[in-house]
Amino acid sequence: MIDPALDRLTEEGLLSESRYLESFVSYRARSGYGPLRIREELSQRGLQRGDIEQALRECGFDWQEMLQETWQRKFAGHLPIDARERAKQGRFLSYRGYPLDLIGRLLSGRGGDD
């Protein structure tokens, strides 16, 4: 009974995996999570890898900017003064799902400037 009901909702446009992906990516990104964490959460929900990648590409978020905002909120924009603080900030941002190369640039004070 469930499968026909789901098929009918999909045909009527009331149930859409692409809308779900778009909404989920947007919600989690605005909550301060990065693409790696979002990708993993969607994979755990059984969504297709290709669909997830497409949703992340098309979301329109600047992940460097999102990383900067998350870091500002958590650490008030204070660059780490020693290795211990750098590790603490790096662990937090990595847990949030941001790529290590972006984290390294941010914590070294280079931000998006290359």
PDB file of N, CA and C in Angstrom:
ATOM      1  N   MET A   1       0.803  -1.198   0.000  1.00  0.00           N
ATOM      2  CA  MET A   1       0.000   0.000   0.000  1.00  0.00           C
ATOM      3  C   MET A   1       0.852   1.271   0.000  1.00  0.00           C
ATOM      4  N   ILE A   2       2.004   1.177   0.620  1.00  0.00           N
ATOM      5  CA  ILE A   2       2.857   2.358   0.727  1.00  0.00           C
ATOM      6  C   ILE A   2       3.469   2.732  -0.615  1.00  0.00           C
ATOM      7  N   ASP A   3       3.978   1.733  -1.335  1.00  0.00           N
ATOM      8  CA  ASP A   3       4.628   2.017  -2.615  1.00  0.00           C
ATOM      9  C   ASP A   3       3.705   2.715  -3.609  1.00  0.00           C
ATOM     10  N   PRO A   4       2.475   2.240  -3.795  1.00  0.00           N
ATOM     11  CA  PRO A   4       1.583   2.952  -4.718  1.00  0.00           C
ATOM     12  C   PRO A   4       1.276   4.381  -4.253  1.00  0.00           C
ATOM     13  N   ALA A   5       1.151   4.564  -2.952  1.00  0.00           N
ATOM     14  CA  ALA A   5       0.876   5.911  -2.431  1.00  0.00           C
ATOM     15  C   ALA A   5       2.054   6.831  -2.692  1.00  0.00           C
ATOM     16  N   LEU A   6       3.268   6.337  -2.486  1.00  0.00           N
ATOM     17  CA  LEU A   6       4.463   7.143  -2.766  1.00  0.00           C
ATOM     18  C   LEU A   6       4.576   7.452  -4.253  1.00  0.00           C
ATOM     19  N   ASP A   7       4.284   6.474  -5.089  1.00  0.00           N
ATOM     20  CA  ASP A   7       4.322   6.699  -6.539  1.00  0.00           C
ATOM     21  C   ASP A   7       3.321   7.772  -6.956  1.00  0.00           C
ATOM     22  N   ARG A   8       2.139   7.721  -6.384  1.00  0.00           N
ATOM     23  CA  ARG A   8       1.101   8.708  -6.711  1.00  0.00           C
ATOM     24  C   ARG A   8       1.533  10.116  -6.276  1.00  0.00           C
ATOM     25  N   LEU A   9       2.106  10.220  -5.075  1.00  0.00           N
ATOM     26  CA  LEU A   9       2.576  11.530  -4.593  1.00  0.00           C
ATOM     27  C   LEU A   9       3.696  12.078  -5.472  1.00  0.00           C
ATOM     28  N   THR A  10       4.574  11.194  -5.932  1.00  0.00           N
ATOM     29  CA  THR A  10       5.661  11.614  -6.816  1.00  0.00           C
ATOM     30  C   THR A  10       5.111  12.088  -8.151  1.00  0.00           C
ATOM     31  N   GLU A  11       4.154  11.355  -8.707  1.00  0.00           N
ATOM     32  CA  GLU A  11       3.543  11.737  -9.986  1.00  0.00           C
ATOM     33  C   GLU A  11       2.825  13.077  -9.891  1.00  0.00           C
ATOM     34  N   GLU A  12       2.222  13.339  -8.749  1.00  0.00           N
ATOM     35  CA  GLU A  12       1.490  14.594  -8.555  1.00  0.00           C
ATOM     36  C   GLU A  12       2.413  15.756  -8.193  1.00  0.00           C
ATOM     37  N   GLY A  13       3.699  15.462  -8.045  1.00  0.00           N
ATOM     38  CA  GLY A  13       4.662  16.513  -7.732  1.00  0.00           C
ATOM     39  C   GLY A  13       4.668  16.922  -6.267  1.00  0.00           C
ATOM     40  N   LEU A  14       4.081  16.113  -5.416  1.00  0.00           N
ATOM     41  CA  LEU A  14       4.024  16.428  -3.999  1.00  0.00           C
ATOM     42  C   LEU A  14       5.189  15.831  -3.217  1.00  0.00           C
ATOM     43  N   LEU A  15       5.915  14.927  -3.849  1.00  0.00           N
ATOM     44  CA  LEU A  15       7.053  14.274  -3.226  1.00  0.00           C
ATOM     45  C   LEU A  15       8.214  14.327  -4.215  1.00  0.00           C
ATOM     46  N   SER A  16       9.289  14.997  -3.842  1.00  0.00           N
ATOM     47  CA  SER A  16      10.404  15.172  -4.770  1.00  0.00           C
ATOM     48  C   SER A  16      11.729  15.026  -4.031  1.00  0.00           C
ATOM     49  N   GLU A  17      12.519  14.080  -4.483  1.00  0.00           N
ATOM     50  CA  GLU A  17      13.830  13.866  -3.881  1.00  0.00           C
ATOM     51  C   GLU A  17      14.745  15.070  -4.116  1.00  0.00           C
ATOM     52  N   SER A  18      14.657  15.688  -5.288  1.00  0.00           N
ATOM     53  CA  SER A  18      15.523  16.834  -5.580  1.00  0.00           C
ATOM     54  C   SER A  18      15.173  18.024  -4.684  1.00  0.00           C
ATOM     55  N   ARG A  19      13.881  18.237  -4.415  1.00  0.00           N
ATOM     56  CA  ARG A  19      13.487  19.313  -3.497  1.00  0.00           C
ATOM     57  C   ARG A  19      13.973  19.018  -2.090  1.00  0.00           C
ATOM     58  N   TYR A  20      13.904  17.762  -1.691  1.00  0.00           N
ATOM     59  CA  TYR A  20      14.394  17.363  -0.374  1.00  0.00           C
ATOM     60  C   TYR A  20      15.888  17.645  -0.263  1.00  0.00           C
ATOM     61  N   LEU A  21      16.644  17.234  -1.280  1.00  0.00           N
ATOM     62  CA  LEU A  21      18.089  17.468  -1.277  1.00  0.00           C
ATOM     63  C   LEU A  21      18.399  18.960  -1.196  1.00  0.00           C
ATOM     64  N   GLU A  22      17.738  19.743  -2.007  1.00  0.00           N
ATOM     65  CA  GLU A  22      17.955  21.188  -2.022  1.00  0.00           C
ATOM     66  C   GLU A  22      17.654  21.795  -0.652  1.00  0.00           C
ATOM     67  N   SER A  23      16.557  21.408  -0.076  1.00  0.00           N
ATOM     68  CA  SER A  23      16.152  21.934   1.221  1.00  0.00           C
ATOM     69  C   SER A  23      17.119  21.511   2.325  1.00  0.00           C
ATOM     70  N   PHE A  24      17.517  20.249   2.309  1.00  0.00           N
ATOM     71  CA  PHE A  24      18.425  19.731   3.338  1.00  0.00           C
ATOM     72  C   PHE A  24      19.781  20.421   3.266  1.00  0.00           C
ATOM     73  N   VAL A  25      20.336  20.529   2.058  1.00  0.00           N
ATOM     74  CA  VAL A  25      21.644  21.173   1.885  1.00  0.00           C
ATOM     75  C   VAL A  25      21.567  22.623   2.365  1.00  0.00           C
ATOM     76  N   SER A  26      20.541  23.314   1.976  1.00  0.00           N
ATOM     77  CA  SER A  26      20.379  24.720   2.367  1.00  0.00           C
ATOM     78  C   SER A  26      20.261  24.868   3.884  1.00  0.00           C
ATOM     79  N   TYR A  27      19.436  24.047   4.498  1.00  0.00           N
ATOM     80  CA  TYR A  27      19.230  24.116   5.943  1.00  0.00           C
ATOM     81  C   TYR A  27      20.524  23.844   6.705  1.00  0.00           C
ATOM     82  N   ARG A  28      21.214  22.776   6.342  1.00  0.00           N
ATOM     83  CA  ARG A  28      22.440  22.409   7.064  1.00  0.00           C
ATOM     84  C   ARG A  28      23.558  23.425   6.823  1.00  0.00           C
ATOM     85  N   ALA A  29      23.667  23.943   5.614  1.00  0.00           N
ATOM     86  CA  ALA A  29      24.699  24.944   5.324  1.00  0.00           C
ATOM     87  C   ALA A  29      24.443  26.217   6.128  1.00  0.00           C
ATOM     88  N   ARG A  30      23.189  26.650   6.194  1.00  0.00           N
ATOM     89  CA  ARG A  30      22.862  27.844   6.982  1.00  0.00           C
ATOM     90  C   ARG A  30      23.051  27.601   8.473  1.00  0.00           C
ATOM     91  N   SER A  31      23.072  26.335   8.886  1.00  0.00           N
ATOM     92  CA  SER A  31      23.315  25.989  10.288  1.00  0.00           C
ATOM     93  C   SER A  31      24.805  25.882  10.596  1.00  0.00           C
ATOM     94  N   GLY A  32      25.648  26.138   9.597  1.00  0.00           N
ATOM     95  CA  GLY A  32      27.087  26.148   9.829  1.00  0.00           C
ATOM     96  C   GLY A  32      27.812  24.865   9.499  1.00  0.00           C
ATOM     97  N   TYR A  33      27.198  23.982   8.760  1.00  0.00           N
ATOM     98  CA  TYR A  33      27.843  22.726   8.392  1.00  0.00           C
ATOM     99  C   TYR A  33      28.399  22.801   6.986  1.00  0.00           C
ATOM    100  N   GLY A  34      29.522  22.119   6.790  1.00  0.00           N
ATOM    101  CA  GLY A  34      30.216  22.138   5.516  1.00  0.00           C
ATOM    102  C   GLY A  34      29.805  21.000   4.601  1.00  0.00           C
ATOM    103  N   PRO A  35      30.331  21.015   3.385  1.00  0.00           N
ATOM    104  CA  PRO A  35      29.921  20.045   2.369  1.00  0.00           C
ATOM    105  C   PRO A  35      30.258  18.596   2.709  1.00  0.00           C
ATOM    106  N   LEU A  36      31.350  18.362   3.419  1.00  0.00           N
ATOM    107  CA  LEU A  36      31.716  16.983   3.741  1.00  0.00           C
ATOM    108  C   LEU A  36      30.728  16.364   4.721  1.00  0.00           C
ATOM    109  N   ARG A  37      30.342  17.126   5.709  1.00  0.00           N
ATOM    110  CA  ARG A  37      29.369  16.636   6.704  1.00  0.00           C
ATOM    111  C   ARG A  37      27.988  16.453   6.065  1.00  0.00           C
ATOM    112  N   ILE A  38      27.580  17.400   5.255  1.00  0.00           N
ATOM    113  CA  ILE A  38      26.279  17.317   4.597  1.00  0.00           C
ATOM    114  C   ILE A  38      26.232  16.100   3.674  1.00  0.00           C
ATOM    115  N   ARG A  39      27.312  15.892   2.926  1.00  0.00           N
ATOM    116  CA  ARG A  39      27.398  14.735   2.017  1.00  0.00           C
ATOM    117  C   ARG A  39      27.248  13.430   2.806  1.00  0.00           C
ATOM    118  N   GLU A  40      27.932  13.330   3.924  1.00  0.00           N
ATOM    119  CA  GLU A  40      27.882  12.121   4.740  1.00  0.00           C
ATOM    120  C   GLU A  40      26.478  11.894   5.312  1.00  0.00           C
ATOM    121  N   GLU A  41      25.846  12.947   5.803  1.00  0.00           N
ATOM    122  CA  GLU A  41      24.497  12.818   6.361  1.00  0.00           C
ATOM    123  C   GLU A  41      23.497  12.355   5.300  1.00  0.00           C
ATOM    124  N   LEU A  42      23.619  12.884   4.110  1.00  0.00           N
ATOM    125  CA  LEU A  42      22.705  12.478   3.036  1.00  0.00           C
ATOM    126  C   LEU A  42      22.970  11.043   2.592  1.00  0.00           C
ATOM    127  N   SER A  43      24.242  10.649   2.581  1.00  0.00           N
ATOM    128  CA  SER A  43      24.578   9.262   2.227  1.00  0.00           C
ATOM    129  C   SER A  43      23.988   8.294   3.247  1.00  0.00           C
ATOM    130  N   GLN A  44      24.031   8.670   4.514  1.00  0.00           N
ATOM    131  CA  GLN A  44      23.474   7.812   5.559  1.00  0.00           C
ATOM    132  C   GLN A  44      21.963   7.671   5.426  1.00  0.00           C
ATOM    133  N   ARG A  45      21.334   8.625   4.776  1.00  0.00           N
ATOM    134  CA  ARG A  45      19.887   8.569   4.567  1.00  0.00           C
ATOM    135  C   ARG A  45      19.523   7.755   3.315  1.00  0.00           C
ATOM    136  N   GLY A  46      20.547   7.193   2.655  1.00  0.00           N
ATOM    137  CA  GLY A  46      20.298   6.298   1.530  1.00  0.00           C
ATOM    138  C   GLY A  46      20.092   6.978   0.195  1.00  0.00           C
ATOM    139  N   LEU A  47      20.462   8.233   0.080  1.00  0.00           N
ATOM    140  CA  LEU A  47      20.306   8.936  -1.191  1.00  0.00           C
ATOM    141  C   LEU A  47      21.474   8.606  -2.118  1.00  0.00           C
ATOM    142  N   GLN A  48      21.238   8.689  -3.409  1.00  0.00           N
ATOM    143  CA  GLN A  48      22.249   8.350  -4.408  1.00  0.00           C
ATOM    144  C   GLN A  48      23.397   9.362  -4.389  1.00  0.00           C
ATOM    145  N   ARG A  49      24.611   8.866  -4.488  1.00  0.00           N
ATOM    146  CA  ARG A  49      25.809   9.709  -4.444  1.00  0.00           C
ATOM    147  C   ARG A  49      25.791  10.782  -5.535  1.00  0.00           C
ATOM    148  N   GLY A  50      25.395  10.418  -6.735  1.00  0.00           N
ATOM    149  CA  GLY A  50      25.343  11.367  -7.849  1.00  0.00           C
ATOM    150  C   GLY A  50      24.361  12.497  -7.595  1.00  0.00           C
ATOM    151  N   ASP A  51      23.210  12.161  -7.021  1.00  0.00           N
ATOM    152  CA  ASP A  51      22.210  13.179  -6.698  1.00  0.00           C
ATOM    153  C   ASP A  51      22.715  14.126  -5.619  1.00  0.00           C
ATOM    154  N   ILE A  52      23.427  13.556  -4.642  1.00  0.00           N
ATOM    155  CA  ILE A  52      23.995  14.372  -3.561  1.00  0.00           C
ATOM    156  C   ILE A  52      25.018  15.347  -4.130  1.00  0.00           C
ATOM    157  N   GLU A  53      25.911  14.838  -4.981  1.00  0.00           N
ATOM    158  CA  GLU A  53      26.954  15.690  -5.567  1.00  0.00           C
ATOM    159  C   GLU A  53      26.337  16.808  -6.394  1.00  0.00           C
ATOM    160  N   GLN A  54      25.304  16.483  -7.140  1.00  0.00           N
ATOM    161  CA  GLN A  54      24.641  17.495  -7.955  1.00  0.00           C
ATOM    162  C   GLN A  54      23.997  18.559  -7.069  1.00  0.00           C
ATOM    163  N   ALA A  55      23.355  18.151  -5.993  1.00  0.00           N
ATOM    164  CA  ALA A  55      22.723  19.108  -5.075  1.00  0.00           C
ATOM    165  C   ALA A  55      23.770  20.017  -4.435  1.00  0.00           C
ATOM    166  N   LEU A  56      24.932  19.473  -4.079  1.00  0.00           N
ATOM    167  CA  LEU A  56      25.991  20.288  -3.481  1.00  0.00           C
ATOM    168  C   LEU A  56      26.578  21.266  -4.502  1.00  0.00           C
ATOM    169  N   ARG A  57      26.702  20.828  -5.760  1.00  0.00           N
ATOM    170  CA  ARG A  57      27.220  21.722  -6.805  1.00  0.00           C
ATOM    171  C   ARG A  57      26.256  22.857  -7.097  1.00  0.00           C
ATOM    172  N   GLU A  58      24.975  22.543  -7.105  1.00  0.00           N
ATOM    173  CA  GLU A  58      23.968  23.519  -7.516  1.00  0.00           C
ATOM    174  C   GLU A  58      23.433  24.384  -6.379  1.00  0.00           C
ATOM    175  N   CYS A  59      23.899  24.156  -5.159  1.00  0.00           N
ATOM    176  CA  CYS A  59      23.338  24.871  -4.015  1.00  0.00           C
ATOM    177  C   CYS A  59      23.677  26.362  -4.022  1.00  0.00           C
ATOM    178  N   GLY A  60      24.772  26.734  -4.657  1.00  0.00           N
ATOM    179  CA  GLY A  60      25.124  28.145  -4.757  1.00  0.00           C
ATOM    180  C   GLY A  60      25.831  28.713  -3.535  1.00  0.00           C
ATOM    181  N   PHE A  61      26.230  27.874  -2.598  1.00  0.00           N
ATOM    182  CA  PHE A  61      26.932  28.365  -1.414  1.00  0.00           C
ATOM    183  C   PHE A  61      28.418  28.510  -1.701  1.00  0.00           C
ATOM    184  N   ASP A  62      29.003  29.569  -1.183  1.00  0.00           N
ATOM    185  CA  ASP A  62      30.452  29.752  -1.209  1.00  0.00           C
ATOM    186  C   ASP A  62      30.963  29.141   0.097  1.00  0.00           C
ATOM    187  N   TRP A  63      31.552  27.934  -0.002  1.00  0.00           N
ATOM    188  CA  TRP A  63      31.931  27.203   1.200  1.00  0.00           C
ATOM    189  C   TRP A  63      33.012  27.927   1.990  1.00  0.00           C
ATOM    190  N   GLN A  64      33.883  28.671   1.320  1.00  0.00           N
ATOM    191  CA  GLN A  64      34.901  29.450   2.028  1.00  0.00           C
ATOM    192  C   GLN A  64      34.212  30.520   2.887  1.00  0.00           C
ATOM    193  N   GLU A  65      33.213  31.156   2.330  1.00  0.00           N
ATOM    194  CA  GLU A  65      32.475  32.180   3.073  1.00  0.00           C
ATOM    195  C   GLU A  65      31.700  31.560   4.238  1.00  0.00           C
ATOM    196  N   MET A  66      31.100  30.400   4.006  1.00  0.00           N
ATOM    197  CA  MET A  66      30.361  29.720   5.070  1.00  0.00           C
ATOM    198  C   MET A  66      31.308  29.302   6.192  1.00  0.00           C
ATOM    199  N   LEU A  67      32.500  28.838   5.823  1.00  0.00           N
ATOM    200  CA  LEU A  67      33.513  28.478   6.813  1.00  0.00           C
ATOM    201  C   LEU A  67      33.892  29.703   7.638  1.00  0.00           C
ATOM    202  N   GLN A  68      34.127  30.808   6.974  1.00  0.00           N
ATOM    203  CA  GLN A  68      34.496  32.057   7.647  1.00  0.00           C
ATOM    204  C   GLN A  68      33.409  32.468   8.654  1.00  0.00           C
ATOM    205  N   GLU A  69      32.157  32.394   8.245  1.00  0.00           N
ATOM    206  CA  GLU A  69      31.051  32.772   9.131  1.00  0.00           C
ATOM    207  C   GLU A  69      30.956  31.846  10.342  1.00  0.00           C
ATOM    208  N   THR A  70      31.109  30.551  10.117  1.00  0.00           N
ATOM    209  CA  THR A  70      31.044  29.575  11.210  1.00  0.00           C
ATOM    210  C   THR A  70      32.182  29.829  12.194  1.00  0.00           C
ATOM    211  N   TRP A  71      33.380  30.071  11.673  1.00  0.00           N
ATOM    212  CA  TRP A  71      34.552  30.346  12.503  1.00  0.00           C
ATOM    213  C   TRP A  71      34.357  31.639  13.295  1.00  0.00           C
ATOM    214  N   GLN A  72      33.841  32.678  12.637  1.00  0.00           N
ATOM    215  CA  GLN A  72      33.581  33.967  13.306  1.00  0.00           C
ATOM    216  C   GLN A  72      32.626  33.775  14.481  1.00  0.00           C
ATOM    217  N   ARG A  73      31.558  33.025  14.234  1.00  0.00           N
ATOM    218  CA  ARG A  73      30.551  32.802  15.276  1.00  0.00           C
ATOM    219  C   ARG A  73      31.136  32.060  16.470  1.00  0.00           C
ATOM    220  N   LYS A  74      31.939  31.046  16.211  1.00  0.00           N
ATOM    221  CA  LYS A  74      32.461  30.198  17.288  1.00  0.00           C
ATOM    222  C   LYS A  74      33.664  30.814  17.989  1.00  0.00           C
ATOM    223  N   PHE A  75      34.572  31.415  17.220  1.00  0.00           N
ATOM    224  CA  PHE A  75      35.837  31.867  17.799  1.00  0.00           C
ATOM    225  C   PHE A  75      36.019  33.379  17.751  1.00  0.00           C
ATOM    226  N   ALA A  76      34.978  34.102  17.434  1.00  0.00           N
ATOM    227  CA  ALA A  76      34.981  35.574  17.414  1.00  0.00           C
ATOM    228  C   ALA A  76      36.101  36.141  16.544  1.00  0.00           C
ATOM    229  N   GLY A  77      36.515  35.399  15.527  1.00  0.00           N
ATOM    230  CA  GLY A  77      37.517  35.897  14.597  1.00  0.00           C
ATOM    231  C   GLY A  77      38.924  35.953  15.150  1.00  0.00           C
ATOM    232  N   HIS A  78      39.202  35.252  16.245  1.00  0.00           N
ATOM    233  CA  HIS A  78      40.544  35.252  16.834  1.00  0.00           C
ATOM    234  C   HIS A  78      41.354  34.108  16.254  1.00  0.00           C
ATOM    235  N   LEU A  79      42.391  34.460  15.499  1.00  0.00           N
ATOM    236  CA  LEU A  79      43.277  33.437  14.954  1.00  0.00           C
ATOM    237  C   LEU A  79      43.979  32.715  16.096  1.00  0.00           C
ATOM    238  N   PRO A  80      44.296  31.439  15.913  1.00  0.00           N
ATOM    239  CA  PRO A  80      44.967  30.689  16.982  1.00  0.00           C
ATOM    240  C   PRO A  80      46.353  31.266  17.266  1.00  0.00           C
ATOM    241  N   ILE A  81      46.691  31.337  18.554  1.00  0.00           N
ATOM    242  CA  ILE A  81      47.984  31.901  18.955  1.00  0.00           C
ATOM    243  C   ILE A  81      49.046  30.828  19.166  1.00  0.00           C
ATOM    244  N   ASP A  82      48.628  29.575  19.293  1.00  0.00           N
ATOM    245  CA  ASP A  82      49.591  28.490  19.463  1.00  0.00           C
ATOM    246  C   ASP A  82      49.039  27.217  18.818  1.00  0.00           C
ATOM    247  N   ALA A  83      49.850  26.188  18.828  1.00  0.00           N
ATOM    248  CA  ALA A  83      49.468  24.933  18.168  1.00  0.00           C
ATOM    249  C   ALA A  83      48.235  24.303  18.810  1.00  0.00           C
ATOM    250  N   ARG A  84      48.117  24.422  20.103  1.00  0.00           N
ATOM    251  CA  ARG A  84      46.978  23.830  20.810  1.00  0.00           C
ATOM    252  C   ARG A  84      45.662  24.490  20.370  1.00  0.00           C
ATOM    253  N   GLU A  85      45.658  25.810  20.312  1.00  0.00           N
ATOM    254  CA  GLU A  85      44.457  26.540  19.890  1.00  0.00           C
ATOM    255  C   GLU A  85      44.160  26.267  18.417  1.00  0.00           C
ATOM    256  N   ARG A  86      45.200  26.179  17.604  1.00  0.00           N
ATOM    257  CA  ARG A  86      45.009  25.878  16.179  1.00  0.00           C
ATOM    258  C   ARG A  86      44.360  24.506  16.013  1.00  0.00           C
ATOM    259  N   ALA A  87      44.829  23.524  16.795  1.00  0.00           N
ATOM    260  CA  ALA A  87      44.264  22.183  16.735  1.00  0.00           C
ATOM    261  C   ALA A  87      42.802  22.201  17.183  1.00  0.00           C
ATOM    262  N   LYS A  88      42.510  22.950  18.224  1.00  0.00           N
ATOM    263  CA  LYS A  88      41.134  23.040  18.727  1.00  0.00           C
ATOM    264  C   LYS A  88      40.206  23.609  17.654  1.00  0.00           C
ATOM    265  N   GLN A  89      40.615  24.719  17.054  1.00  0.00           N
ATOM    266  CA  GLN A  89      39.793  25.339  16.025  1.00  0.00           C
ATOM    267  C   GLN A  89      39.678  24.429  14.799  1.00  0.00           C
ATOM    268  N   GLY A  90      40.782  23.812  14.427  1.00  0.00           N
ATOM    269  CA  GLY A  90      40.779  22.907  13.275  1.00  0.00           C
ATOM    270  C   GLY A  90      39.865  21.713  13.481  1.00  0.00           C
ATOM    271  N   ARG A  91      39.907  21.120  14.687  1.00  0.00           N
ATOM    272  CA  ARG A  91      39.032  19.981  14.983  1.00  0.00           C
ATOM    273  C   ARG A  91      37.562  20.370  14.889  1.00  0.00           C
ATOM    274  N   PHE A  92      37.221  21.538  15.450  1.00  0.00           N
ATOM    275  CA  PHE A  92      35.837  21.988  15.410  1.00  0.00           C
ATOM    276  C   PHE A  92      35.359  22.158  13.971  1.00  0.00           C
ATOM    277  N   LEU A  93      36.153  22.846  13.167  1.00  0.00           N
ATOM    278  CA  LEU A  93      35.755  23.112  11.781  1.00  0.00           C
ATOM    279  C   LEU A  93      35.735  21.837  10.945  1.00  0.00           C
ATOM    280  N   SER A  94      36.650  20.937  11.224  1.00  0.00           N
ATOM    281  CA  SER A  94      36.675  19.659  10.516  1.00  0.00           C
ATOM    282  C   SER A  94      35.443  18.834  10.880  1.00  0.00           C
ATOM    283  N   TYR A  95      35.087  18.814  12.160  1.00  0.00           N
ATOM    284  CA  TYR A  95      33.889  18.110  12.607  1.00  0.00           C
ATOM    285  C   TYR A  95      32.648  18.667  11.924  1.00  0.00           C
ATOM    286  N   ARG A  96      32.639  19.969  11.698  1.00  0.00           N
ATOM    287  CA  ARG A  96      31.517  20.612  11.027  1.00  0.00           C
ATOM    288  C   ARG A  96      31.452  20.266   9.543  1.00  0.00           C
ATOM    289  N   GLY A  97      32.520  19.676   9.004  1.00  0.00           N
ATOM    290  CA  GLY A  97      32.467  19.180   7.633  1.00  0.00           C
ATOM    291  C   GLY A  97      33.119  20.060   6.590  1.00  0.00           C
ATOM    292  N   TYR A  98      34.062  20.875   6.995  1.00  0.00           N
ATOM    293  CA  TYR A  98      34.765  21.718   6.025  1.00  0.00           C
ATOM    294  C   TYR A  98      36.064  21.047   5.601  1.00  0.00           C
ATOM    295  N   PRO A  99      36.446  21.200   4.342  1.00  0.00           N
ATOM    296  CA  PRO A  99      37.682  20.589   3.838  1.00  0.00           C
ATOM    297  C   PRO A  99      38.922  21.144   4.545  1.00  0.00           C
ATOM    298  N   LEU A 100      39.902  20.285   4.746  1.00  0.00           N
ATOM    299  CA  LEU A 100      41.115  20.661   5.468  1.00  0.00           C
ATOM    300  C   LEU A 100      41.889  21.781   4.781  1.00  0.00           C
ATOM    301  N   ASP A 101      41.879  21.829   3.439  1.00  0.00           N
ATOM    302  CA  ASP A 101      42.623  22.889   2.761  1.00  0.00           C
ATOM    303  C   ASP A 101      42.010  24.256   3.062  1.00  0.00           C
ATOM    304  N   LEU A 102      40.679  24.345   3.114  1.00  0.00           N
ATOM    305  CA  LEU A 102      40.030  25.619   3.447  1.00  0.00           C
ATOM    306  C   LEU A 102      40.304  26.004   4.895  1.00  0.00           C
ATOM    307  N   ILE A 103      40.271  25.017   5.779  1.00  0.00           N
ATOM    308  CA  ILE A 103      40.541  25.275   7.200  1.00  0.00           C
ATOM    309  C   ILE A 103      41.973  25.773   7.371  1.00  0.00           C
ATOM    310  N   GLY A 104      42.917  25.123   6.700  1.00  0.00           N
ATOM    311  CA  GLY A 104      44.322  25.523   6.802  1.00  0.00           C
ATOM    312  C   GLY A 104      44.554  26.952   6.344  1.00  0.00           C
ATOM    313  N   ARG A 105      43.922  27.313   5.225  1.00  0.00           N
ATOM    314  CA  ARG A 105      44.053  28.694   4.737  1.00  0.00           C
ATOM    315  C   ARG A 105      43.480  29.684   5.724  1.00  0.00           C
ATOM    316  N   LEU A 106      42.319  29.376   6.260  1.00  0.00           N
ATOM    317  CA  LEU A 106      41.669  30.280   7.198  1.00  0.00           C
ATOM    318  C   LEU A 106      42.519  30.457   8.463  1.00  0.00           C
ATOM    319  N   LEU A 107      42.974  29.360   9.048  1.00  0.00           N
ATOM    320  CA  LEU A 107      43.701  29.440  10.312  1.00  0.00           C
ATOM    321  C   LEU A 107      45.118  29.993  10.154  1.00  0.00           C
ATOM    322  N   SER A 108      45.630  29.988   8.935  1.00  0.00           N
ATOM    323  CA  SER A 108      46.949  30.580   8.711  1.00  0.00           C
ATOM    324  C   SER A 108      46.844  32.081   8.473  1.00  0.00           C
ATOM    325  N   GLY A 109      45.589  32.560   8.400  1.00  0.00           N
ATOM    326  CA  GLY A 109      45.385  34.001   8.199  1.00  0.00           C
ATOM    327  C   GLY A 109      45.268  34.413   6.752  1.00  0.00           C
ATOM    328  N   ARG A 110      45.314  33.424   5.840  1.00  0.00           N
ATOM    329  CA  ARG A 110      45.221  33.746   4.417  1.00  0.00           C
ATOM    330  C   ARG A 110      43.786  33.842   3.935  1.00  0.00           C
ATOM    331  N   GLY A 111      42.854  33.209   4.635  1.00  0.00           N
ATOM    332  CA  GLY A 111      41.451  33.242   4.223  1.00  0.00           C
ATOM    333  C   GLY A 111      41.297  32.769   2.798  1.00  0.00           C
ATOM    334  N   GLY A 112      40.640  33.552   1.953  1.00  0.00           N
ATOM    335  CA  GLY A 112      40.453  33.193   0.550  1.00  0.00           C
ATOM    336  C   GLY A 112      41.514  33.773  -0.355  1.00  0.00           C
ATOM    337  N   ASP A 113      42.506  34.454   0.209  1.00  0.00           N
ATOM    338  CA  ASP A 113      43.544  35.100  -0.595  1.00  0.00           C
ATOM    339  C   ASP A 113      44.648  34.107  -0.926  1.00  0.00           C
ATOM    340  N   ASP A 114      44.865  33.864  -2.197  1.00  0.00           N
ATOM    341  CA  ASP A 114      45.973  32.989  -2.618  1.00  0.00           C
ATOM    342  C   ASP A 114      46.937  33.750  -3.492  1.00  0.00           C
TER     343      ASP A 114
END
